[in-house]
């Protein structure tokens, strides 16, 4: 069911009032992407479409503001119902991950079916055992979500990091953080690691530089 012009006016009026109360960047980040799916006037429900991260951020931070705004517009009897959709980034990320998985499966299948990849036991070298070094905990205890100062310059990255904690390895994987000095990039990475460990005791988190990662990877390929 498509939303009528009158229904769109209702939602536009709500957004117009919200816009006056918020920083422009905040409004554009969290409210502009929300779309009205349709309005159920009989049951007084506004059905909205948004990404999961947008919905969660609105629920956690601006639900009271929305409620107050709707009351001022004599829409206090209306309820909001969300239809969660993947954002363009999430769709592209999912498609890329699927492509990578297909390529990986194809490579593995080729390796398994190629006779040259198998040698008789008489020609194979003796089994080697290597010591596995435990992952050193390099997370800074001072950098946690509780101590992170959220502002208009970093709130989107903060929300994405919290989403990662909810589903490690599934949401925004990989995630790249880019920004100026002093905006909390390092703090946010450490905080994400701490939160993941706190919720998933069986997981291990490695906080290392890209240079160290590449050096260890190359050494593993050359000597292991």
N, C-alpha and C. Protein backbone atom coordinates (compact mmCIF):
# COMPACT_ATOMS: atom_id res chain seq x y z
N UNK A 1 0.84 -1.18 0.00
CA UNK A 1 0.00 0.00 0.00
C UNK A 1 0.88 1.24 0.00
N UNK A 2 0.65 2.13 -0.93
CA UNK A 2 1.45 3.35 -0.97
C UNK A 2 0.84 4.41 -0.08
N UNK A 3 1.68 5.30 0.40
CA UNK A 3 1.22 6.36 1.28
C UNK A 3 0.58 7.47 0.45
N UNK A 4 -0.55 8.00 0.92
CA UNK A 4 -1.22 9.08 0.22
C UNK A 4 -0.49 10.38 0.46
N UNK A 5 -0.89 11.42 -0.34
CA UNK A 5 -0.28 12.73 -0.18
C UNK A 5 -0.51 13.25 1.23
N UNK A 6 -1.72 13.03 1.74
CA UNK A 6 -2.03 13.50 3.10
C UNK A 6 -1.15 12.80 4.13
N UNK A 7 -0.93 11.50 3.94
CA UNK A 7 -0.08 10.75 4.87
C UNK A 7 1.35 11.27 4.83
N UNK A 8 1.83 11.56 3.61
CA UNK A 8 3.18 12.10 3.50
C UNK A 8 3.29 13.44 4.21
N UNK A 9 2.22 14.24 4.13
CA UNK A 9 2.23 15.53 4.82
C UNK A 9 2.35 15.34 6.32
N UNK A 10 1.70 14.31 6.85
CA UNK A 10 1.79 14.02 8.28
C UNK A 10 3.24 13.75 8.66
N UNK A 11 3.89 12.87 7.92
CA UNK A 11 5.28 12.52 8.23
C UNK A 11 6.21 13.69 7.97
N UNK A 12 5.95 14.44 6.90
CA UNK A 12 6.78 15.62 6.61
C UNK A 12 6.66 16.66 7.71
N UNK A 13 5.47 16.82 8.27
CA UNK A 13 5.28 17.77 9.36
C UNK A 13 6.06 17.34 10.60
N UNK A 14 6.06 16.03 10.86
CA UNK A 14 6.83 15.51 12.00
C UNK A 14 8.32 15.78 11.78
N UNK A 15 8.80 15.45 10.59
CA UNK A 15 10.22 15.66 10.29
C UNK A 15 10.58 17.15 10.35
N UNK A 16 9.68 18.00 9.86
CA UNK A 16 9.95 19.43 9.89
C UNK A 16 10.13 19.95 11.30
N UNK A 17 9.31 19.46 12.22
CA UNK A 17 9.43 19.89 13.62
C UNK A 17 10.69 19.32 14.27
N UNK A 18 11.02 18.07 13.94
CA UNK A 18 12.22 17.45 14.50
C UNK A 18 13.46 18.18 14.01
N UNK A 19 13.46 18.55 12.74
CA UNK A 19 14.61 19.24 12.14
C UNK A 19 14.96 20.52 12.90
N UNK A 20 13.95 21.23 13.38
CA UNK A 20 14.17 22.49 14.09
C UNK A 20 14.86 22.29 15.44
N UNK A 21 14.80 21.08 15.97
CA UNK A 21 15.33 20.81 17.31
C UNK A 21 16.71 20.16 17.29
N UNK A 22 17.16 19.77 16.12
CA UNK A 22 18.41 19.02 16.06
C UNK A 22 19.44 19.71 15.19
N UNK A 23 20.70 19.38 15.46
CA UNK A 23 21.79 19.78 14.59
C UNK A 23 21.54 19.23 13.19
N UNK A 24 21.85 20.04 12.17
CA UNK A 24 21.57 19.63 10.80
C UNK A 24 22.21 18.32 10.41
N UNK A 25 23.45 18.09 10.84
CA UNK A 25 24.15 16.85 10.49
C UNK A 25 23.49 15.65 11.14
N UNK A 26 23.06 15.82 12.39
CA UNK A 26 22.38 14.72 13.09
C UNK A 26 21.08 14.37 12.38
N UNK A 27 20.32 15.39 12.00
CA UNK A 27 19.05 15.14 11.32
C UNK A 27 19.28 14.40 10.01
N UNK A 28 20.25 14.87 9.22
CA UNK A 28 20.51 14.25 7.92
C UNK A 28 21.00 12.81 8.07
N UNK A 29 21.74 12.55 9.13
CA UNK A 29 22.29 11.21 9.34
C UNK A 29 21.23 10.21 9.75
N UNK A 30 20.36 10.60 10.69
CA UNK A 30 19.46 9.64 11.32
C UNK A 30 18.01 9.73 10.87
N UNK A 31 17.54 10.91 10.49
CA UNK A 31 16.12 11.06 10.17
C UNK A 31 15.84 11.12 8.67
N UNK A 32 16.72 11.73 7.89
CA UNK A 32 16.48 11.84 6.45
C UNK A 32 16.33 10.48 5.75
N UNK A 33 17.12 9.45 6.15
CA UNK A 33 16.99 8.16 5.45
C UNK A 33 15.68 7.43 5.74
N UNK A 34 14.94 7.85 6.77
CA UNK A 34 13.69 7.17 7.12
C UNK A 34 12.61 7.51 6.10
N UNK A 35 11.88 6.51 5.65
CA UNK A 35 10.81 6.73 4.67
C UNK A 35 9.48 6.25 5.24
N UNK A 36 8.42 6.94 4.86
CA UNK A 36 7.08 6.51 5.24
C UNK A 36 6.63 5.42 4.27
N UNK A 37 6.33 4.24 4.79
CA UNK A 37 5.83 3.15 3.96
C UNK A 37 4.34 3.34 3.69
N UNK A 38 3.58 3.44 4.77
CA UNK A 38 2.16 3.79 4.65
C UNK A 38 1.61 4.16 6.02
N UNK A 39 0.45 4.75 6.00
CA UNK A 39 -0.19 5.20 7.24
C UNK A 39 -1.50 4.44 7.42
N UNK A 40 -1.63 3.77 8.54
CA UNK A 40 -2.86 3.06 8.89
C UNK A 40 -3.69 3.99 9.76
N UNK A 41 -4.55 4.78 9.11
CA UNK A 41 -5.32 5.78 9.85
C UNK A 41 -6.33 5.13 10.79
N UNK A 42 -6.87 4.00 10.38
CA UNK A 42 -7.89 3.34 11.21
C UNK A 42 -7.33 2.94 12.56
N UNK A 43 -6.09 2.44 12.57
CA UNK A 43 -5.46 2.01 13.82
C UNK A 43 -4.43 3.01 14.32
N UNK A 44 -4.32 4.16 13.64
CA UNK A 44 -3.40 5.23 14.04
C UNK A 44 -1.96 4.71 14.16
N UNK A 45 -1.46 4.16 13.05
CA UNK A 45 -0.09 3.64 13.03
C UNK A 45 0.63 4.20 11.81
N UNK A 46 1.82 4.75 12.04
CA UNK A 46 2.69 5.17 10.95
C UNK A 46 3.71 4.06 10.71
N UNK A 47 3.69 3.49 9.52
CA UNK A 47 4.63 2.42 9.17
C UNK A 47 5.83 3.05 8.47
N UNK A 48 7.00 2.89 9.06
CA UNK A 48 8.21 3.52 8.55
C UNK A 48 9.22 2.50 8.06
N UNK A 49 10.00 2.87 7.04
CA UNK A 49 11.07 2.02 6.53
C UNK A 49 12.41 2.64 6.89
N UNK A 50 13.31 1.81 7.41
CA UNK A 50 14.64 2.30 7.79
C UNK A 50 15.59 1.13 7.90
N UNK A 51 16.89 1.42 7.91
CA UNK A 51 17.89 0.38 8.14
C UNK A 51 17.89 0.01 9.62
N UNK A 52 18.46 -1.13 9.94
CA UNK A 52 18.49 -1.58 11.33
C UNK A 52 19.24 -0.59 12.21
N UNK A 53 20.35 -0.06 11.70
CA UNK A 53 21.14 0.85 12.52
C UNK A 53 20.40 2.16 12.76
N UNK A 54 19.65 2.63 11.76
CA UNK A 54 18.85 3.84 11.94
C UNK A 54 17.76 3.62 12.98
N UNK A 55 17.06 2.51 12.85
CA UNK A 55 15.98 2.21 13.79
C UNK A 55 16.50 2.12 15.22
N UNK A 56 17.60 1.39 15.41
CA UNK A 56 18.15 1.21 16.75
C UNK A 56 18.58 2.55 17.34
N UNK A 57 19.20 3.39 16.52
CA UNK A 57 19.67 4.69 17.03
C UNK A 57 18.50 5.59 17.42
N UNK A 58 17.44 5.59 16.61
CA UNK A 58 16.25 6.38 16.93
C UNK A 58 15.61 5.85 18.21
N UNK A 59 15.46 4.53 18.32
CA UNK A 59 14.85 3.93 19.50
C UNK A 59 15.62 4.28 20.77
N UNK A 60 16.93 4.28 20.67
CA UNK A 60 17.76 4.49 21.87
C UNK A 60 17.99 5.95 22.21
N UNK A 61 17.82 6.85 21.25
CA UNK A 61 18.21 8.24 21.49
C UNK A 61 17.13 9.29 21.21
N UNK A 62 16.22 9.00 20.29
CA UNK A 62 15.30 10.06 19.89
C UNK A 62 13.83 9.67 19.93
N UNK A 63 13.52 8.57 20.59
CA UNK A 63 12.13 8.15 20.66
C UNK A 63 11.29 9.14 21.45
N UNK A 64 11.83 9.66 22.55
CA UNK A 64 11.11 10.65 23.35
C UNK A 64 10.88 11.93 22.55
N UNK A 65 11.88 12.34 21.78
CA UNK A 65 11.74 13.53 20.96
C UNK A 65 10.64 13.35 19.92
N UNK A 66 10.61 12.19 19.29
CA UNK A 66 9.56 11.91 18.31
C UNK A 66 8.19 11.93 18.96
N UNK A 67 8.09 11.32 20.15
CA UNK A 67 6.81 11.29 20.85
C UNK A 67 6.33 12.68 21.21
N UNK A 68 7.23 13.51 21.72
CA UNK A 68 6.87 14.88 22.09
C UNK A 68 6.46 15.69 20.87
N UNK A 69 7.18 15.51 19.77
CA UNK A 69 6.86 16.23 18.54
C UNK A 69 5.49 15.84 18.01
N UNK A 70 5.19 14.55 18.03
CA UNK A 70 3.89 14.08 17.55
C UNK A 70 2.75 14.58 18.42
N UNK A 71 2.99 14.66 19.72
CA UNK A 71 1.96 15.18 20.63
C UNK A 71 1.67 16.65 20.33
N UNK A 72 2.72 17.42 20.07
CA UNK A 72 2.54 18.84 19.75
C UNK A 72 1.77 19.04 18.45
N UNK A 73 1.85 18.08 17.56
CA UNK A 73 1.14 18.16 16.28
C UNK A 73 -0.21 17.45 16.32
N UNK A 74 -0.67 17.16 17.55
CA UNK A 74 -1.95 16.45 17.74
C UNK A 74 -1.94 15.07 17.09
N UNK A 75 -0.77 14.45 17.11
CA UNK A 75 -0.64 13.08 16.59
C UNK A 75 -0.19 12.12 17.69
N UNK A 76 -0.44 12.52 18.93
CA UNK A 76 0.01 11.71 20.06
C UNK A 76 -0.63 10.34 20.13
N UNK A 77 -1.76 10.17 19.44
CA UNK A 77 -2.44 8.87 19.45
C UNK A 77 -1.82 7.90 18.45
N UNK A 78 -0.93 8.40 17.59
CA UNK A 78 -0.31 7.54 16.59
C UNK A 78 0.87 6.76 17.18
N UNK A 79 1.04 5.55 16.67
CA UNK A 79 2.19 4.73 17.04
C UNK A 79 3.09 4.56 15.82
N UNK A 80 4.36 4.26 16.09
CA UNK A 80 5.32 4.03 15.01
C UNK A 80 5.61 2.54 14.89
N UNK A 81 5.59 2.04 13.69
CA UNK A 81 5.94 0.64 13.45
C UNK A 81 7.00 0.62 12.35
N UNK A 82 8.08 -0.12 12.62
CA UNK A 82 9.24 -0.09 11.72
C UNK A 82 9.28 -1.30 10.80
N UNK A 83 9.67 -1.04 9.57
CA UNK A 83 10.00 -2.10 8.62
C UNK A 83 11.49 -1.97 8.32
N UNK A 84 12.26 -2.91 8.81
CA UNK A 84 13.72 -2.82 8.70
C UNK A 84 14.18 -3.33 7.34
N UNK A 85 14.99 -2.52 6.68
CA UNK A 85 15.56 -2.89 5.39
C UNK A 85 17.07 -2.68 5.43
N UNK A 86 17.79 -3.46 4.65
CA UNK A 86 19.24 -3.29 4.56
C UNK A 86 19.56 -1.97 3.88
N UNK A 87 20.55 -1.27 4.41
CA UNK A 87 21.02 -0.05 3.75
C UNK A 87 21.79 -0.44 2.50
N UNK A 88 22.07 0.53 1.62
CA UNK A 88 22.84 0.25 0.40
C UNK A 88 24.20 -0.32 0.74
N UNK A 89 24.82 0.22 1.82
CA UNK A 89 26.14 -0.29 2.23
C UNK A 89 26.04 -1.75 2.64
N UNK A 90 24.99 -2.08 3.42
CA UNK A 90 24.84 -3.45 3.90
C UNK A 90 24.57 -4.40 2.74
N UNK A 91 23.77 -3.95 1.75
CA UNK A 91 23.49 -4.80 0.59
C UNK A 91 24.77 -5.07 -0.19
N UNK A 92 25.56 -4.01 -0.43
CA UNK A 92 26.80 -4.18 -1.18
C UNK A 92 27.78 -5.05 -0.42
N UNK A 93 27.83 -4.86 0.92
CA UNK A 93 28.75 -5.63 1.74
C UNK A 93 28.38 -7.10 1.72
N UNK A 94 27.06 -7.39 1.78
CA UNK A 94 26.59 -8.78 1.75
C UNK A 94 26.92 -9.42 0.41
N UNK A 95 26.72 -8.67 -0.68
CA UNK A 95 27.01 -9.20 -2.02
C UNK A 95 28.50 -9.49 -2.18
N UNK A 96 29.34 -8.58 -1.67
CA UNK A 96 30.78 -8.77 -1.76
C UNK A 96 31.21 -10.00 -0.97
N UNK A 97 30.66 -10.16 0.24
CA UNK A 97 31.02 -11.31 1.06
C UNK A 97 30.61 -12.61 0.39
N UNK A 98 29.43 -12.61 -0.25
CA UNK A 98 28.96 -13.81 -0.94
C UNK A 98 29.90 -14.16 -2.09
N UNK A 99 30.35 -13.13 -2.83
CA UNK A 99 31.26 -13.35 -3.94
C UNK A 99 32.59 -13.92 -3.46
N UNK A 100 33.09 -13.37 -2.36
CA UNK A 100 34.36 -13.86 -1.79
C UNK A 100 34.23 -15.31 -1.36
N UNK A 101 33.08 -15.63 -0.72
CA UNK A 101 32.87 -17.02 -0.26
C UNK A 101 32.83 -17.97 -1.45
N UNK A 102 32.15 -17.57 -2.55
CA UNK A 102 32.08 -18.43 -3.73
C UNK A 102 33.46 -18.66 -4.32
N UNK A 103 34.27 -17.60 -4.40
CA UNK A 103 35.63 -17.74 -4.93
C UNK A 103 36.45 -18.67 -4.05
N UNK A 104 36.28 -18.53 -2.73
CA UNK A 104 37.05 -19.36 -1.81
C UNK A 104 36.66 -20.82 -1.94
N UNK A 105 35.35 -21.09 -2.04
CA UNK A 105 34.87 -22.47 -2.18
C UNK A 105 35.40 -23.06 -3.48
N UNK A 106 35.37 -22.27 -4.57
CA UNK A 106 35.87 -22.75 -5.84
C UNK A 106 37.34 -23.11 -5.78
N UNK A 107 38.13 -22.29 -5.10
CA UNK A 107 39.57 -22.55 -4.96
C UNK A 107 39.81 -23.83 -4.17
N UNK A 108 39.05 -24.01 -3.10
CA UNK A 108 39.21 -25.21 -2.26
C UNK A 108 38.84 -26.46 -3.04
N UNK A 109 37.71 -26.38 -3.79
CA UNK A 109 37.28 -27.54 -4.56
C UNK A 109 38.33 -27.90 -5.62
N UNK A 110 38.92 -26.89 -6.26
CA UNK A 110 39.96 -27.15 -7.26
C UNK A 110 41.16 -27.82 -6.63
N UNK A 111 41.53 -27.37 -5.45
CA UNK A 111 42.69 -27.94 -4.77
C UNK A 111 42.43 -29.39 -4.38
N UNK A 112 41.20 -29.69 -3.99
CA UNK A 112 40.87 -31.05 -3.54
C UNK A 112 40.86 -32.02 -4.72
N UNK A 113 40.33 -31.56 -5.86
CA UNK A 113 40.17 -32.46 -7.01
C UNK A 113 41.41 -32.57 -7.88
N UNK A 114 42.42 -31.75 -7.64
CA UNK A 114 43.65 -31.80 -8.44
C UNK A 114 44.58 -32.87 -7.87
N UNK A 115 44.86 -33.95 -8.63
CA UNK A 115 45.71 -35.04 -8.12
C UNK A 115 47.11 -34.57 -7.74
N UNK A 116 47.59 -33.51 -8.39
CA UNK A 116 48.95 -33.06 -8.10
C UNK A 116 49.08 -32.51 -6.68
N UNK A 117 47.95 -32.25 -6.06
CA UNK A 117 48.01 -31.71 -4.71
C UNK A 117 48.17 -32.81 -3.66
N UNK A 118 48.16 -34.06 -4.12
CA UNK A 118 48.28 -35.17 -3.18
C UNK A 118 49.56 -35.94 -3.46
N UNK A 119 50.26 -36.31 -2.40
CA UNK A 119 51.49 -37.08 -2.52
C UNK A 119 51.35 -38.35 -1.69
N UNK A 120 52.10 -39.36 -2.09
CA UNK A 120 52.07 -40.59 -1.31
C UNK A 120 52.73 -40.36 0.03
N UNK A 121 52.37 -41.18 0.98
CA UNK A 121 52.90 -41.01 2.33
C UNK A 121 54.41 -41.20 2.37
N UNK A 122 54.95 -41.98 1.40
CA UNK A 122 56.39 -42.24 1.41
C UNK A 122 57.18 -40.99 1.03
N UNK A 123 56.55 -40.11 0.21
CA UNK A 123 57.25 -38.91 -0.23
C UNK A 123 56.98 -37.71 0.67
N UNK A 124 55.98 -37.83 1.51
CA UNK A 124 55.62 -36.67 2.33
C UNK A 124 56.61 -36.52 3.48
N UNK A 125 56.83 -35.29 3.85
CA UNK A 125 57.74 -35.01 4.96
C UNK A 125 57.06 -35.37 6.27
N UNK A 126 57.85 -35.54 7.29
CA UNK A 126 57.29 -35.88 8.60
C UNK A 126 56.46 -34.72 9.12
N UNK A 127 55.48 -35.07 9.92
CA UNK A 127 54.58 -34.06 10.48
C UNK A 127 55.35 -33.08 11.35
N UNK A 128 55.05 -31.79 11.13
CA UNK A 128 55.71 -30.77 11.93
C UNK A 128 54.73 -30.21 12.96
N UNK A 129 55.23 -30.01 14.15
CA UNK A 129 54.43 -29.39 15.20
C UNK A 129 55.03 -28.02 15.50
N UNK A 130 54.19 -27.04 15.54
CA UNK A 130 54.68 -25.69 15.83
C UNK A 130 54.00 -25.17 17.08
N UNK A 131 54.72 -24.36 17.79
CA UNK A 131 54.15 -23.73 18.98
C UNK A 131 53.26 -22.56 18.56
N UNK A 132 52.09 -22.54 19.13
CA UNK A 132 51.15 -21.44 18.86
C UNK A 132 51.25 -20.44 19.99
N UNK A 133 51.66 -19.25 19.63
CA UNK A 133 51.79 -18.22 20.65
C UNK A 133 50.42 -17.64 21.00
N UNK A 134 50.13 -17.50 22.28
CA UNK A 134 48.84 -16.92 22.67
C UNK A 134 48.74 -15.48 22.21
N UNK A 135 47.51 -15.06 21.90
CA UNK A 135 47.30 -13.69 21.46
C UNK A 135 47.42 -12.76 22.66
N UNK A 136 48.31 -11.81 22.54
CA UNK A 136 48.53 -10.86 23.63
C UNK A 136 47.39 -9.85 23.66
N UNK A 137 46.89 -9.59 24.87
CA UNK A 137 45.82 -8.60 25.02
C UNK A 137 46.43 -7.21 25.00
N UNK A 138 46.25 -6.51 23.90
CA UNK A 138 46.84 -5.18 23.76
C UNK A 138 45.78 -4.08 23.85
N UNK A 139 44.59 -4.42 24.31
CA UNK A 139 43.53 -3.42 24.44
C UNK A 139 43.80 -2.51 25.64
N UNK A 140 43.58 -1.25 25.47
CA UNK A 140 43.77 -0.26 26.53
C UNK A 140 42.53 -0.22 27.41
N UNK A 141 42.71 -0.51 28.68
CA UNK A 141 41.58 -0.57 29.61
C UNK A 141 40.86 0.75 29.80
N UNK A 142 41.50 1.86 29.44
CA UNK A 142 40.87 3.17 29.62
C UNK A 142 39.85 3.47 28.52
N UNK A 143 39.98 2.77 27.41
CA UNK A 143 39.12 3.08 26.27
C UNK A 143 37.92 2.13 26.24
N UNK A 144 36.81 2.56 26.79
CA UNK A 144 35.58 1.77 26.80
C UNK A 144 34.43 2.63 26.27
N UNK A 145 33.31 1.97 25.97
CA UNK A 145 32.14 2.71 25.50
C UNK A 145 31.63 3.68 26.56
N UNK A 146 31.75 3.28 27.83
CA UNK A 146 31.24 4.13 28.91
C UNK A 146 31.98 5.47 28.96
N UNK A 147 33.23 5.48 28.55
CA UNK A 147 34.04 6.70 28.62
C UNK A 147 34.13 7.42 27.27
N UNK A 148 33.42 6.90 26.28
CA UNK A 148 33.48 7.50 24.95
C UNK A 148 32.51 8.67 24.86
N UNK A 149 32.98 9.80 24.40
CA UNK A 149 32.14 10.99 24.26
C UNK A 149 31.56 11.02 22.85
N UNK A 150 30.23 10.87 22.77
CA UNK A 150 29.56 10.84 21.47
C UNK A 150 29.17 12.25 21.05
N UNK A 151 29.50 12.61 19.83
CA UNK A 151 29.15 13.91 19.29
C UNK A 151 28.71 13.78 17.85
N UNK A 152 28.34 14.89 17.25
CA UNK A 152 27.88 14.86 15.86
C UNK A 152 28.96 14.38 14.89
N UNK A 153 30.22 14.51 15.30
CA UNK A 153 31.33 14.14 14.42
C UNK A 153 31.62 12.64 14.43
N UNK A 154 31.12 11.92 15.44
CA UNK A 154 31.50 10.51 15.54
C UNK A 154 30.33 9.59 15.87
N UNK A 155 29.11 10.12 15.93
CA UNK A 155 27.99 9.30 16.39
C UNK A 155 27.65 8.16 15.42
N UNK A 156 27.88 8.38 14.14
CA UNK A 156 27.58 7.31 13.19
C UNK A 156 28.55 6.15 13.37
N UNK A 157 29.84 6.47 13.52
CA UNK A 157 30.84 5.43 13.76
C UNK A 157 30.56 4.72 15.08
N UNK A 158 30.13 5.47 16.09
CA UNK A 158 29.81 4.88 17.40
C UNK A 158 28.65 3.90 17.28
N UNK A 159 27.61 4.29 16.55
CA UNK A 159 26.46 3.41 16.37
C UNK A 159 26.85 2.15 15.60
N UNK A 160 27.70 2.30 14.58
CA UNK A 160 28.15 1.14 13.82
C UNK A 160 28.97 0.20 14.69
N UNK A 161 29.81 0.76 15.56
CA UNK A 161 30.61 -0.07 16.46
C UNK A 161 29.72 -0.86 17.41
N UNK A 162 28.67 -0.22 17.93
CA UNK A 162 27.74 -0.92 18.82
C UNK A 162 27.02 -2.04 18.08
N UNK A 163 26.71 -1.81 16.81
CA UNK A 163 26.06 -2.85 16.01
C UNK A 163 27.00 -4.04 15.81
N UNK A 164 28.29 -3.77 15.66
CA UNK A 164 29.28 -4.84 15.51
C UNK A 164 29.34 -5.69 16.77
N UNK A 165 29.26 -5.04 17.92
CA UNK A 165 29.30 -5.78 19.19
C UNK A 165 28.12 -6.74 19.28
N UNK A 166 26.96 -6.34 18.74
CA UNK A 166 25.77 -7.19 18.79
C UNK A 166 25.94 -8.43 17.91
N UNK A 167 26.67 -8.31 16.81
CA UNK A 167 26.85 -9.44 15.90
C UNK A 167 28.26 -9.43 15.33
N UNK A 168 29.26 -9.81 16.13
CA UNK A 168 30.66 -9.77 15.67
C UNK A 168 30.88 -10.60 14.40
N UNK A 169 31.56 -10.01 13.45
CA UNK A 169 31.88 -10.72 12.22
C UNK A 169 30.76 -10.77 11.20
N UNK A 170 29.58 -10.26 11.57
CA UNK A 170 28.44 -10.31 10.65
C UNK A 170 28.02 -8.91 10.20
N UNK A 171 28.00 -7.98 11.15
CA UNK A 171 27.59 -6.62 10.84
C UNK A 171 28.80 -5.75 10.52
N UNK A 172 28.73 -5.04 9.39
CA UNK A 172 29.81 -4.13 8.97
C UNK A 172 31.18 -4.82 9.04
N UNK A 173 31.30 -5.90 8.28
CA UNK A 173 32.55 -6.66 8.29
C UNK A 173 33.13 -6.70 6.87
N UNK A 174 34.23 -6.00 6.61
CA UNK A 174 35.03 -5.23 7.58
C UNK A 174 34.48 -3.83 7.78
N UNK A 175 34.96 -3.18 8.83
CA UNK A 175 34.59 -1.79 9.09
C UNK A 175 35.85 -0.92 9.07
N UNK A 176 35.80 0.17 8.36
CA UNK A 176 36.91 1.11 8.28
C UNK A 176 36.50 2.43 8.92
N UNK A 177 37.33 2.93 9.81
CA UNK A 177 37.03 4.20 10.49
C UNK A 177 38.01 5.25 9.99
N UNK A 178 37.47 6.33 9.49
CA UNK A 178 38.32 7.41 8.98
C UNK A 178 37.86 8.73 9.59
N UNK A 179 38.80 9.57 10.00
CA UNK A 179 38.43 10.86 10.57
C UNK A 179 39.65 11.63 11.01
N UNK A 180 39.42 12.85 11.45
CA UNK A 180 40.50 13.71 11.89
C UNK A 180 41.06 13.30 13.24
N UNK A 181 42.09 14.02 13.65
CA UNK A 181 42.75 13.74 14.93
C UNK A 181 41.83 14.12 16.09
N UNK A 182 41.80 13.24 17.11
CA UNK A 182 41.06 13.55 18.32
C UNK A 182 39.57 13.28 18.28
N UNK A 183 39.10 12.58 17.26
CA UNK A 183 37.66 12.31 17.16
C UNK A 183 37.26 10.97 17.77
N UNK A 184 38.25 10.19 18.22
CA UNK A 184 37.92 8.96 18.94
C UNK A 184 38.08 7.67 18.17
N UNK A 185 38.85 7.68 17.09
CA UNK A 185 39.00 6.45 16.29
C UNK A 185 39.63 5.32 17.10
N UNK A 186 40.76 5.61 17.73
CA UNK A 186 41.46 4.60 18.53
C UNK A 186 40.60 4.17 19.71
N UNK A 187 40.01 5.12 20.39
CA UNK A 187 39.15 4.83 21.54
C UNK A 187 38.03 3.88 21.12
N UNK A 188 37.42 4.16 19.97
CA UNK A 188 36.29 3.36 19.51
C UNK A 188 36.70 1.94 19.18
N UNK A 189 37.88 1.76 18.60
CA UNK A 189 38.35 0.41 18.27
C UNK A 189 38.60 -0.40 19.54
N UNK A 190 39.26 0.21 20.53
CA UNK A 190 39.50 -0.48 21.79
C UNK A 190 38.18 -0.80 22.49
N UNK A 191 37.27 0.16 22.50
CA UNK A 191 35.98 -0.04 23.16
C UNK A 191 35.21 -1.19 22.53
N UNK A 192 35.27 -1.29 21.21
CA UNK A 192 34.59 -2.38 20.51
C UNK A 192 35.18 -3.72 20.92
N UNK A 193 36.50 -3.79 21.00
CA UNK A 193 37.16 -5.03 21.43
C UNK A 193 36.77 -5.43 22.83
N UNK A 194 36.77 -4.47 23.76
CA UNK A 194 36.38 -4.76 25.15
C UNK A 194 34.95 -5.28 25.22
N UNK A 195 34.05 -4.63 24.49
CA UNK A 195 32.64 -5.00 24.56
C UNK A 195 32.40 -6.38 23.96
N UNK A 196 33.11 -6.71 22.89
CA UNK A 196 32.96 -8.04 22.28
C UNK A 196 33.42 -9.13 23.24
N UNK A 197 34.56 -8.91 23.89
CA UNK A 197 35.07 -9.90 24.85
C UNK A 197 34.12 -10.05 26.03
N UNK A 198 33.57 -8.94 26.50
CA UNK A 198 32.66 -8.99 27.65
C UNK A 198 31.42 -9.81 27.36
N UNK A 199 30.96 -9.78 26.11
CA UNK A 199 29.74 -10.50 25.75
C UNK A 199 30.03 -11.90 25.23
N UNK A 200 31.25 -12.12 24.77
CA UNK A 200 31.61 -13.42 24.18
C UNK A 200 32.94 -13.88 24.75
N UNK A 201 32.89 -14.51 25.90
CA UNK A 201 34.12 -14.89 26.60
C UNK A 201 34.97 -15.87 25.81
N UNK A 202 34.35 -16.59 24.88
CA UNK A 202 35.10 -17.60 24.12
C UNK A 202 35.87 -16.98 22.95
N UNK A 203 35.60 -15.73 22.63
CA UNK A 203 36.28 -15.09 21.51
C UNK A 203 37.58 -14.43 21.95
N UNK A 204 38.51 -14.31 21.00
CA UNK A 204 39.77 -13.61 21.25
C UNK A 204 39.85 -12.42 20.30
N UNK A 205 40.35 -11.33 20.81
CA UNK A 205 40.45 -10.10 20.02
C UNK A 205 41.92 -9.72 19.89
N UNK A 206 42.35 -9.49 18.67
CA UNK A 206 43.73 -9.05 18.41
C UNK A 206 43.71 -7.61 17.93
N UNK A 207 44.35 -6.73 18.66
CA UNK A 207 44.47 -5.33 18.25
C UNK A 207 45.91 -5.09 17.81
N UNK A 208 46.13 -5.09 16.50
CA UNK A 208 47.50 -4.96 15.98
C UNK A 208 47.49 -4.00 14.79
N UNK A 209 48.66 -3.50 14.46
CA UNK A 209 48.79 -2.62 13.30
C UNK A 209 48.75 -3.46 12.03
N UNK A 210 48.40 -2.83 10.92
CA UNK A 210 48.38 -3.54 9.64
C UNK A 210 49.77 -4.04 9.27
N UNK A 211 50.80 -3.27 9.65
CA UNK A 211 52.18 -3.67 9.35
C UNK A 211 52.54 -4.97 10.08
N UNK A 212 52.18 -5.04 11.36
CA UNK A 212 52.49 -6.25 12.12
C UNK A 212 51.71 -7.44 11.58
N UNK A 213 50.46 -7.21 11.21
CA UNK A 213 49.65 -8.30 10.66
C UNK A 213 50.29 -8.85 9.39
N UNK A 214 50.71 -7.97 8.50
CA UNK A 214 51.32 -8.42 7.24
C UNK A 214 52.63 -9.15 7.49
N UNK A 215 53.44 -8.66 8.44
CA UNK A 215 54.71 -9.33 8.75
C UNK A 215 54.46 -10.74 9.27
N UNK A 216 53.48 -10.89 10.16
CA UNK A 216 53.19 -12.22 10.71
C UNK A 216 52.62 -13.14 9.64
N UNK A 217 51.79 -12.59 8.77
CA UNK A 217 51.22 -13.39 7.69
C UNK A 217 52.31 -13.90 6.75
N UNK A 218 53.22 -13.01 6.37
CA UNK A 218 54.31 -13.39 5.46
C UNK A 218 55.22 -14.43 6.11
N UNK A 219 55.54 -14.24 7.38
CA UNK A 219 56.38 -15.22 8.09
C UNK A 219 55.71 -16.57 8.17
N UNK A 220 54.40 -16.57 8.39
CA UNK A 220 53.66 -17.83 8.48
C UNK A 220 53.68 -18.57 7.15
N UNK A 221 53.54 -17.83 6.06
CA UNK A 221 53.56 -18.45 4.73
C UNK A 221 54.95 -18.98 4.39
N UNK A 222 55.97 -18.24 4.77
CA UNK A 222 57.35 -18.62 4.41
C UNK A 222 57.89 -19.77 5.24
N UNK A 223 57.59 -19.78 6.51
CA UNK A 223 58.26 -20.73 7.41
C UNK A 223 57.35 -21.82 7.98
N UNK A 224 56.05 -21.68 7.85
CA UNK A 224 55.16 -22.70 8.41
C UNK A 224 54.62 -23.63 7.32
